[in-house]
Amino acid sequence: MTFLVPSNLLLSFIIMAVSLNGGQCGLNEALSKYLDHDLKVSKTREAKVEIEKVVKDVMGRIESADRRFKMGLEFRGSIYEKLKIKDADEFDFDLPITKLTIDEAPRSGLTNDIPMEYTTYKLRPALTEEWADLADKDNSLLSAERVVQKFSTLVKQATDDMNAAGDQKYKFQFKTNHPAVTIIFKKDDKVVYNVDLAPVIEVKKWPENLTTGWEKRKKKGWPSEDLVDSIKASSVYLVPKLYKDKSHAKRDFLWRFAFNKAEKKLLLDSEKSTDNSCRRPVVRIIKGFLVDFDWRGLRSYHIKTILLHEFETYGDINKWKREQTGERVLSAVRRLKSCLEARDGPKLKHYFLPAINIMAGVNEQQRLELVAKLRDFLENPEAALSKKPDGAVCAVRKKEKSESTKAYVKLIKDFMRDVKKMAQEESNDRILKLCSDYENGRFQQLGIKDSSL
């Protein structure tokens, strides 16, 4: 009995089966290899123990030299958010100054032109005399600039004393890098670690003047109401980050709000509901692209913010299963490209303060180069991964193909052979030609050298 298959339907099935399954499986496999081999972090536990011991030593020396700087220790950054890529060589710590902790930040500063993300800190009467050298005498406003300068002096004194003692595994250097002071760990004249210490002021109550709708925004499953309530019940920090406008009359007295604790909670707690989530892997993968593909002009904070928006937009937990890693990576890269192509210039909204554009610093040349690189990646992500500068992914993929991919290739080959046999029996030259043309082109694109059927 002759079995006739409509040509268009048959061809559509061939294209759909090969391109969708092969493309998605291939991309997921490539990303998995990239994550496991290129972004492998080594000796994290040992490094954390070593660094934290030195930081606590520095803090003790600082407090002994100036009792005002008794501080807490808050771990932050990619190491503690489990988002680190490459080696564990950079660490970040917030050091809340105990005496300056307040329940609520002021709603506004001295003037109406203080930016939304900044505020001023007015000393309580009991602290005015003690902190006089670091404050504005007329209004008792604490100077962010003077606090950083004083803190830098104390860190330098502490590290100089540690170097002089000669009982440390490392030699220490330091530099001021607002809002943090960086301690550089060196061994045999080589830099081993960079550790950022930021003196901050803890604000226990979520600032109501910063209520911009984030907690009221309709969520699509993420973050949960419980997580939102937990974040709003936690504190925020004031950090001595200098305002970009050098002409601002009160620039030295502006303290910027920082949502480090909230962001850390979002990134860590969002994974607890499932062991099969790809949320953090996707963040790490795109942070890896930032370095490996030289996305100059962007910082890791841009990547983290992009993904927070993605988490919220695609709040259904089923959209973040491991097998959808490729789809989620492509979606995040498309969002990033869209932000760079905004009509009025690069624009990425701060996750908590949507009126703030954190991409304002990307210049036109950087924008054009980034858009071109992202376009190339989206057109053929597997090819982009295989052409990484170090060629690691390419080498790994050439060395071994997963059993699932081999089985899939065999299935497609068997299917195409049967289709050609049917077409020959029906003397259907059109299907024969379409099969031949498609398999020659598509199988090469999938990296299958022998496509003879």
Protein backbone atom coordinates (compact mmCIF):
# COMPACT_ATOMS: atom_id res chain seq x y z
CA MET A 1 0.00 0.00 0.00
CA THR A 2 1.27 3.41 -0.90
CA PHE A 3 1.49 5.98 1.93
CA LEU A 4 1.43 9.59 0.80
CA VAL A 5 2.76 12.38 3.02
CA PRO A 6 2.05 16.03 2.09
CA SER A 7 5.35 17.64 1.08
CA ASN A 8 4.94 20.87 3.06
CA LEU A 9 3.90 19.05 6.23
CA LEU A 10 6.81 16.64 5.97
CA LEU A 11 9.34 19.39 5.39
CA SER A 12 7.98 21.46 8.27
CA PHE A 13 8.32 18.50 10.59
CA ILE A 14 11.91 17.88 9.49
CA ILE A 15 12.91 21.50 10.04
CA MET A 16 11.15 21.75 13.37
CA ALA A 17 12.60 18.50 14.72
CA VAL A 18 16.16 19.24 13.68
CA SER A 19 16.39 22.94 14.38
CA LEU A 20 14.47 23.18 17.64
CA ASN A 21 15.65 20.03 19.35
CA GLY A 22 19.17 20.13 18.02
CA GLY A 23 19.56 23.88 18.57
CA GLN A 24 18.24 23.93 22.12
CA CYS A 25 20.00 20.74 23.21
CA GLY A 26 23.21 21.93 21.62
CA LEU A 27 23.07 25.33 23.32
CA ASN A 28 22.21 23.85 26.71
CA GLU A 29 25.10 21.42 26.38
CA ALA A 30 27.53 24.17 25.36
CA LEU A 31 26.43 26.39 28.26
CA SER A 32 26.73 23.51 30.70
CA LYS A 33 30.28 22.87 29.55
CA TYR A 34 31.05 26.58 29.76
CA LEU A 35 29.72 26.71 33.31
CA ASP A 36 31.53 23.57 34.49
CA HIS A 37 34.88 24.10 32.78
CA ASP A 38 35.34 27.83 32.15
CA LEU A 39 33.65 29.24 35.23
CA LYS A 40 34.91 26.74 37.76
CA VAL A 41 35.87 28.46 41.02
CA SER A 42 38.69 26.88 42.99
CA LYS A 43 39.75 27.06 46.65
CA THR A 44 36.85 29.29 47.69
CA ARG A 45 36.52 27.89 51.20
CA GLU A 46 40.24 28.19 51.97
CA ALA A 47 40.38 31.72 50.59
CA LYS A 48 37.34 32.84 52.62
CA VAL A 49 38.83 31.57 55.89
CA GLU A 50 42.15 33.24 55.14
CA ILE A 51 40.66 36.58 54.09
CA GLU A 52 38.16 36.82 56.92
CA LYS A 53 40.91 36.23 59.50
CA VAL A 54 42.97 39.12 58.11
CA VAL A 55 39.94 41.42 57.84
CA LYS A 56 39.03 40.82 61.48
CA ASP A 57 42.63 41.56 62.46
CA VAL A 58 42.48 44.86 60.54
CA MET A 59 39.15 45.75 62.16
CA GLY A 60 40.58 45.10 65.64
CA ARG A 61 43.56 47.34 64.96
CA ILE A 62 41.29 50.10 63.59
CA GLU A 63 39.07 50.03 66.67
CA SER A 64 42.10 50.17 68.97
CA ALA A 65 43.35 53.25 67.12
CA ASP A 66 39.97 55.04 66.99
CA ARG A 67 37.13 53.84 69.23
CA ARG A 68 34.57 55.55 67.00
CA PHE A 69 35.23 52.94 64.33
CA LYS A 70 33.89 49.90 66.10
CA MET A 71 32.23 48.09 63.21
CA GLY A 72 30.21 45.05 62.30
CA LEU A 73 31.09 42.72 59.44
CA GLU A 74 28.68 42.01 56.58
CA PHE A 75 29.72 39.67 53.80
CA ARG A 76 28.64 40.71 50.32
CA GLY A 77 29.61 40.36 46.69
CA SER A 78 29.72 37.41 44.30
CA ILE A 79 31.55 35.06 46.66
CA TYR A 80 28.78 35.23 49.24
CA GLU A 81 25.96 35.42 46.69
CA LYS A 82 27.36 32.23 45.12
CA LEU A 83 27.79 34.04 41.81
CA LYS A 84 31.58 34.01 41.60
CA ILE A 85 33.25 33.19 38.30
CA LYS A 86 36.88 32.28 37.77
CA ASP A 87 39.17 32.21 40.80
CA ALA A 88 38.16 33.47 44.24
CA ASP A 89 40.50 36.47 44.24
CA GLU A 90 38.15 39.40 45.01
CA PHE A 91 36.21 39.88 48.25
CA ASP A 92 33.82 42.59 49.42
CA PHE A 93 32.78 43.51 52.94
CA ASP A 94 30.45 46.14 54.36
CA LEU A 95 31.50 47.44 57.78
CA PRO A 96 28.53 49.09 59.56
CA ILE A 97 29.81 51.70 62.04
CA THR A 98 28.04 50.69 65.24
CA LYS A 99 27.68 54.13 66.83
CA LEU A 100 26.09 55.62 63.70
CA THR A 101 23.26 53.08 63.27
CA ILE A 102 19.88 54.79 62.91
CA ASP A 103 16.30 53.57 62.83
CA GLU A 104 15.21 55.67 59.87
CA ALA A 105 16.94 57.77 57.24
CA PRO A 106 15.82 61.40 56.81
CA ARG A 107 13.22 61.95 54.11
CA SER A 108 15.25 64.70 52.48
CA GLY A 109 18.44 66.68 52.87
CA LEU A 110 19.01 70.39 53.27
CA THR A 111 17.84 71.24 49.78
CA ASN A 112 15.35 69.89 47.30
CA ASP A 113 18.01 69.09 44.71
CA ILE A 114 19.42 66.08 46.55
CA PRO A 115 19.17 63.09 44.18
CA MET A 116 16.68 60.35 44.96
CA GLU A 117 19.34 57.72 45.69
CA TYR A 118 21.18 59.98 48.15
CA THR A 119 20.48 61.50 51.55
CA THR A 120 22.35 63.35 54.30
CA TYR A 121 23.19 62.12 57.78
CA LYS A 122 22.66 64.53 60.68
CA LEU A 123 24.48 63.59 63.88
CA ARG A 124 22.44 63.15 67.03
CA PRO A 125 23.29 65.72 69.74
CA ALA A 126 25.06 63.04 71.79
CA LEU A 127 27.47 62.38 68.88
CA THR A 128 28.10 65.93 67.68
CA GLU A 129 31.22 66.60 69.73
CA GLU A 130 32.75 63.16 69.24
CA TRP A 131 32.45 63.33 65.43
CA ALA A 132 33.06 67.07 65.06
CA ASP A 133 36.22 66.66 62.98
CA LEU A 134 34.27 64.69 60.37
CA ALA A 135 31.17 66.89 60.26
CA ASP A 136 29.82 70.23 59.09
CA LYS A 137 29.87 72.36 62.24
CA ASP A 138 26.91 74.52 61.16
CA ASN A 139 24.43 71.69 60.60
CA SER A 140 26.11 68.67 62.22
CA LEU A 141 26.05 66.86 58.88
CA LEU A 142 28.47 63.95 58.72
CA SER A 143 30.81 64.18 55.73
CA ALA A 144 30.97 61.00 53.64
CA GLU A 145 34.26 62.19 52.13
CA ARG A 146 35.92 62.82 55.50
CA VAL A 147 34.74 59.46 56.86
CA VAL A 148 36.37 57.67 53.91
CA GLN A 149 39.57 59.68 54.34
CA LYS A 150 39.74 58.88 58.05
CA PHE A 151 38.93 55.22 57.44
CA SER A 152 41.65 55.06 54.75
CA THR A 153 44.20 56.45 57.21
CA LEU A 154 43.24 53.84 59.79
CA VAL A 155 43.45 50.98 57.26
CA LYS A 156 46.86 52.15 56.08
CA GLN A 157 48.12 52.34 59.67
CA ALA A 158 46.81 48.83 60.39
CA THR A 159 48.35 47.26 57.27
CA ASP A 160 51.66 49.10 57.82
CA ASP A 161 51.81 47.67 61.34
CA MET A 162 51.03 44.18 60.03
CA ASN A 163 53.77 44.47 57.39
CA ALA A 164 56.26 45.70 60.00
CA ALA A 165 55.47 42.79 62.32
CA GLY A 166 56.60 40.39 59.61
CA ASP A 167 54.43 37.54 60.88
CA GLN A 168 51.99 37.52 57.98
CA LYS A 169 51.89 35.22 54.97
CA TYR A 170 51.31 38.27 52.74
CA LYS A 171 52.47 41.81 52.30
CA PHE A 172 49.72 44.39 52.16
CA GLN A 173 49.15 47.50 50.08
CA PHE A 174 46.06 49.66 50.03
CA LYS A 175 44.26 52.20 47.88
CA THR A 176 41.14 54.32 48.31
CA ASN A 177 38.41 53.54 45.82
CA HIS A 178 35.15 55.23 46.87
CA PRO A 179 33.14 54.02 48.61
CA ALA A 180 35.61 51.33 49.65
CA VAL A 181 39.22 50.99 50.69
CA THR A 182 41.00 48.14 48.92
CA ILE A 183 43.59 45.97 50.67
CA ILE A 184 45.87 44.28 48.16
CA PHE A 185 47.33 40.95 49.29
CA LYS A 186 50.72 40.26 47.68
CA LYS A 187 52.96 37.21 47.84
CA ASP A 188 56.34 37.09 46.09
CA ASP A 189 55.45 40.45 44.50
CA LYS A 190 52.35 38.95 42.89
CA VAL A 191 48.81 40.09 43.66
CA VAL A 192 46.85 37.22 45.21
CA TYR A 193 43.69 38.90 46.56
CA ASN A 194 41.90 42.24 46.39
CA VAL A 195 39.69 42.94 49.40
CA ASP A 196 37.26 45.88 49.46
CA LEU A 197 36.22 47.27 52.86
CA ALA A 198 33.39 49.81 52.82
CA PRO A 199 32.50 51.83 55.96
CA VAL A 200 28.71 52.11 55.96
CA ILE A 201 25.83 53.37 58.10
CA GLU A 202 23.01 50.94 58.81
CA VAL A 203 19.44 52.19 58.46
CA LYS A 204 17.21 49.68 60.22
CA LYS A 205 13.93 50.75 58.66
CA TRP A 206 13.26 50.59 54.93
CA PRO A 207 13.23 54.27 53.82
CA GLU A 208 9.65 55.24 53.07
CA ASN A 209 10.75 58.12 50.89
CA LEU A 210 12.22 55.50 48.56
CA THR A 211 8.92 53.66 48.19
CA THR A 212 8.65 53.76 44.42
CA GLY A 213 6.24 50.92 43.87
CA TRP A 214 8.67 47.98 43.89
CA GLU A 215 6.96 46.24 46.80
CA LYS A 216 3.52 47.07 45.35
CA ARG A 217 4.37 46.12 41.79
CA LYS A 218 2.29 43.19 40.60
CA LYS A 219 4.59 40.17 40.61
CA LYS A 220 4.21 37.16 38.34
CA GLY A 221 5.22 34.61 40.93
CA TRP A 222 8.58 36.09 41.96
CA PRO A 223 9.51 37.41 44.41
CA SER A 224 6.91 35.93 46.72
CA GLU A 225 4.97 38.11 49.14
CA ASP A 226 6.87 36.54 52.04
CA LEU A 227 10.21 37.39 50.41
CA VAL A 228 9.10 40.98 49.75
CA ASP A 229 8.00 41.35 53.39
CA SER A 230 11.29 39.88 54.57
CA ILE A 231 13.27 42.37 52.48
CA LYS A 232 11.24 45.33 53.66
CA ALA A 233 11.82 44.24 57.25
CA SER A 234 15.60 44.21 56.72
CA SER A 235 17.94 47.19 56.81
CA VAL A 236 19.60 49.19 54.05
CA TYR A 237 22.96 50.93 54.11
CA LEU A 238 24.21 54.45 53.50
CA VAL A 239 27.54 54.28 51.67
CA PRO A 240 30.07 57.10 51.14
CA LYS A 241 29.83 56.96 47.34
CA LEU A 242 30.70 60.36 45.89
CA TYR A 243 27.97 61.97 43.80
CA LYS A 244 29.00 62.30 40.14
CA ASP A 245 28.22 66.03 39.93
CA LYS A 246 31.31 67.70 41.37
CA SER A 247 29.61 71.09 41.42
CA HIS A 248 26.90 70.01 43.88
CA ALA A 249 27.06 72.28 46.94
CA LYS A 250 26.76 69.41 49.42
CA ARG A 251 28.59 66.72 47.46
CA ASP A 252 30.90 65.75 50.34
CA PHE A 253 27.92 65.28 52.67
CA LEU A 254 25.81 63.01 50.44
CA TRP A 255 25.43 59.36 51.39
CA ARG A 256 24.03 56.93 48.84
CA PHE A 257 21.46 54.27 49.62
CA ALA A 258 22.71 50.73 48.98
CA PHE A 259 20.46 47.67 48.74
CA ASN A 260 23.21 45.07 49.08
CA LYS A 261 21.37 43.03 51.72
CA ALA A 262 18.11 43.04 49.76
CA GLU A 263 19.84 41.99 46.53
CA LYS A 264 21.74 39.23 48.33
CA LYS A 265 18.49 37.96 49.86
CA LEU A 266 16.75 37.97 46.47
CA LEU A 267 19.56 36.03 44.82
CA LEU A 268 20.02 33.48 47.61
CA ASP A 269 16.44 32.93 48.80
CA SER A 270 15.00 32.64 45.29
CA GLU A 271 16.81 29.32 44.82
CA LYS A 272 15.58 27.62 47.99
CA SER A 273 12.32 26.42 46.48
CA THR A 274 13.92 24.06 43.99
CA ASP A 275 17.16 22.18 43.40
CA ASN A 276 16.57 22.26 39.66
CA SER A 277 16.64 26.04 39.22
CA CYS A 278 18.92 27.69 36.67
CA ARG A 279 18.62 31.22 38.11
CA ARG A 280 22.09 31.50 39.61
CA PRO A 281 23.75 29.49 36.81
CA VAL A 282 22.31 31.95 34.27
CA VAL A 283 23.68 34.93 36.23
CA ARG A 284 27.12 33.29 36.40
CA ILE A 285 27.08 32.41 32.70
CA ILE A 286 26.32 35.97 31.60
CA LYS A 287 28.85 37.39 34.08
CA GLY A 288 31.33 35.06 32.40
CA PHE A 289 30.41 36.49 29.01
CA LEU A 290 31.11 39.96 30.39
CA VAL A 291 34.75 38.96 30.91
CA ASP A 292 35.35 36.41 28.15
CA PHE A 293 33.70 38.38 25.35
CA ASP A 294 35.06 41.75 26.52
CA TRP A 295 31.73 43.53 26.99
CA ARG A 296 33.54 46.78 27.74
CA GLY A 297 31.38 49.47 29.29
CA LEU A 298 29.30 47.04 31.33
CA ARG A 299 29.85 45.95 34.94
CA SER A 300 28.73 42.91 36.89
CA TYR A 301 26.07 45.08 38.56
CA HIS A 302 24.44 45.65 35.16
CA ILE A 303 24.27 41.89 34.67
CA LYS A 304 22.83 41.27 38.12
CA THR A 305 20.18 43.95 37.58
CA ILE A 306 19.22 42.55 34.17
CA LEU A 307 18.67 39.14 35.76
CA LEU A 308 16.62 40.52 38.66
CA HIS A 309 14.28 42.06 36.07
CA GLU A 310 14.23 38.73 34.20
CA PHE A 311 13.40 36.83 37.39
CA GLU A 312 10.43 39.09 37.98
CA THR A 313 9.20 39.18 34.37
CA TYR A 314 9.33 35.39 34.08
CA GLY A 315 8.23 34.64 37.63
CA ASP A 316 6.88 31.13 36.97
CA ILE A 317 9.34 28.70 38.55
CA ASN A 318 8.80 26.30 35.63
CA LYS A 319 10.51 28.78 33.32
CA TRP A 320 13.76 28.45 35.29
CA LYS A 321 14.38 24.71 35.16
CA ARG A 322 17.89 23.56 34.23
CA GLU A 323 16.77 22.32 30.84
CA GLN A 324 15.69 25.89 29.99
CA THR A 325 19.08 27.44 30.68
CA GLY A 326 19.66 28.25 27.02
CA GLU A 327 16.28 29.93 26.61
CA ARG A 328 16.79 32.05 29.75
CA VAL A 329 20.32 33.10 28.73
CA LEU A 330 19.10 34.22 25.30
CA SER A 331 16.20 36.12 26.89
CA ALA A 332 18.56 37.97 29.25
CA VAL A 333 20.96 38.85 26.43
CA ARG A 334 18.04 40.14 24.33
CA ARG A 335 16.94 42.33 27.25
CA LEU A 336 20.48 43.66 27.61
CA LYS A 337 20.64 44.46 23.89
CA SER A 338 17.24 46.18 24.07
CA CYS A 339 18.45 48.37 26.96
CA LEU A 340 21.47 49.45 24.92
CA GLU A 341 19.29 50.25 21.90
CA ALA A 342 16.82 52.46 23.78
CA ARG A 343 15.75 55.48 21.72
CA ASP A 344 17.13 58.07 24.14
CA GLY A 345 20.38 56.24 24.85
CA PRO A 346 21.37 53.21 26.96
CA LYS A 347 18.81 52.73 29.71
CA LEU A 348 18.59 50.14 32.48
CA LYS A 349 16.35 50.82 35.45
CA HIS A 350 17.70 50.27 38.95
CA TYR A 351 15.73 47.32 40.32
CA PHE A 352 14.54 49.13 43.45
CA LEU A 353 14.66 52.71 42.16
CA PRO A 354 13.27 52.61 38.60
CA ALA A 355 13.77 56.35 38.14
CA ILE A 356 17.53 55.75 38.25
CA ASN A 357 19.26 54.74 34.99
CA ILE A 358 22.33 52.68 35.90
CA MET A 359 23.46 52.55 32.25
CA ALA A 360 23.93 56.31 31.96
CA GLY A 361 27.72 55.90 31.98
CA VAL A 362 27.87 53.81 28.78
CA ASN A 363 29.21 56.04 26.00
CA GLU A 364 28.22 55.88 22.32
CA GLN A 365 31.30 54.00 21.15
CA GLN A 366 30.86 51.39 23.85
CA ARG A 367 27.17 51.13 23.03
CA LEU A 368 27.80 50.46 19.34
CA GLU A 369 30.46 47.84 20.06
CA LEU A 370 28.30 46.10 22.66
CA VAL A 371 25.24 45.97 20.41
CA ALA A 372 27.33 44.42 17.62
CA LYS A 373 28.76 41.78 19.96
CA LEU A 374 25.36 40.93 21.42
CA ARG A 375 23.83 40.70 17.93
CA ASP A 376 26.56 38.27 16.85
CA PHE A 377 26.01 36.17 19.94
CA LEU A 378 22.24 35.99 19.48
CA GLU A 379 22.58 35.01 15.82
CA ASN A 380 24.70 31.96 16.66
CA PRO A 381 25.42 31.49 20.38
CA GLU A 382 27.09 28.11 19.95
CA ALA A 383 29.52 29.52 17.43
CA ALA A 384 30.27 32.43 19.75
CA LEU A 385 31.02 30.04 22.61
CA SER A 386 33.28 27.91 20.43
CA LYS A 387 35.27 31.00 19.42
CA LYS A 388 36.02 32.15 22.94
CA PRO A 389 39.55 33.58 23.18
CA ASP A 390 40.89 30.63 25.17
CA GLY A 391 38.99 28.08 23.10
CA ALA A 392 38.18 26.07 26.22
CA VAL A 393 34.58 25.30 25.35
CA CYS A 394 35.50 24.37 21.80
CA ALA A 395 38.21 21.98 23.02
CA VAL A 396 35.89 20.32 25.50
CA ARG A 397 33.11 19.89 22.96
CA LYS A 398 35.47 18.37 20.40
CA LYS A 399 36.86 15.99 22.99
CA GLU A 400 33.54 14.45 24.01
CA LYS A 401 29.94 14.48 22.85
CA SER A 402 27.28 13.58 25.35
CA GLU A 403 25.41 10.31 24.90
CA SER A 404 22.12 12.19 24.61
CA THR A 405 23.42 14.21 21.66
CA LYS A 406 24.76 11.09 19.93
CA ALA A 407 21.42 9.38 20.37
CA TYR A 408 19.62 12.42 18.98
CA VAL A 409 21.86 12.57 15.90
CA LYS A 410 21.24 8.88 15.23
CA LEU A 411 17.49 9.39 15.57
CA ILE A 412 17.50 12.25 13.06
CA LYS A 413 19.68 10.33 10.61
CA ASP A 414 17.39 7.29 10.78
CA PHE A 415 14.35 9.52 10.32
CA MET A 416 15.84 11.30 7.30
CA ARG A 417 16.84 7.97 5.73
CA ASP A 418 13.26 6.69 6.05
CA VAL A 419 11.88 9.92 4.58
CA LYS A 420 14.20 9.64 1.57
CA LYS A 421 13.21 6.01 1.07
CA MET A 422 9.53 6.97 1.09
CA ALA A 423 10.21 9.80 -1.35
CA GLN A 424 12.09 7.45 -3.71
CA GLU A 425 9.23 4.97 -3.66
CA GLU A 426 6.82 7.78 -4.51
CA SER A 427 9.24 9.25 -7.08
CA ASN A 428 8.83 12.56 -5.28
CA ASP A 429 11.80 14.53 -6.63
CA ARG A 430 10.83 17.68 -4.71
CA ILE A 431 11.03 15.96 -1.31
CA LEU A 432 14.28 14.24 -2.33
CA LYS A 433 15.87 17.56 -3.25
CA LEU A 434 14.58 19.33 -0.15
CA CYS A 435 15.91 16.56 2.11
CA SER A 436 19.27 16.61 0.41
CA ASP A 437 19.63 20.38 0.50
CA TYR A 438 18.47 20.67 4.09
CA GLU A 439 20.54 17.86 5.54
CA ASN A 440 23.71 19.09 3.85
CA GLY A 441 23.28 22.60 5.25
CA ARG A 442 21.72 21.94 8.63
CA PHE A 443 23.86 18.93 9.59
CA GLN A 444 27.00 20.93 8.93
CA GLN A 445 25.63 23.72 11.13
CA LEU A 446 25.12 21.18 13.93
CA GLY A 447 28.71 20.01 13.58
CA ILE A 448 27.85 16.57 12.10
CA LYS A 449 30.53 15.75 9.53
CA ASP A 450 29.07 12.54 8.11
CA SER A 451 25.51 13.23 7.05
CA SER A 452 25.35 10.56 4.38
CA LEU A 453 22.18 8.54 4.69
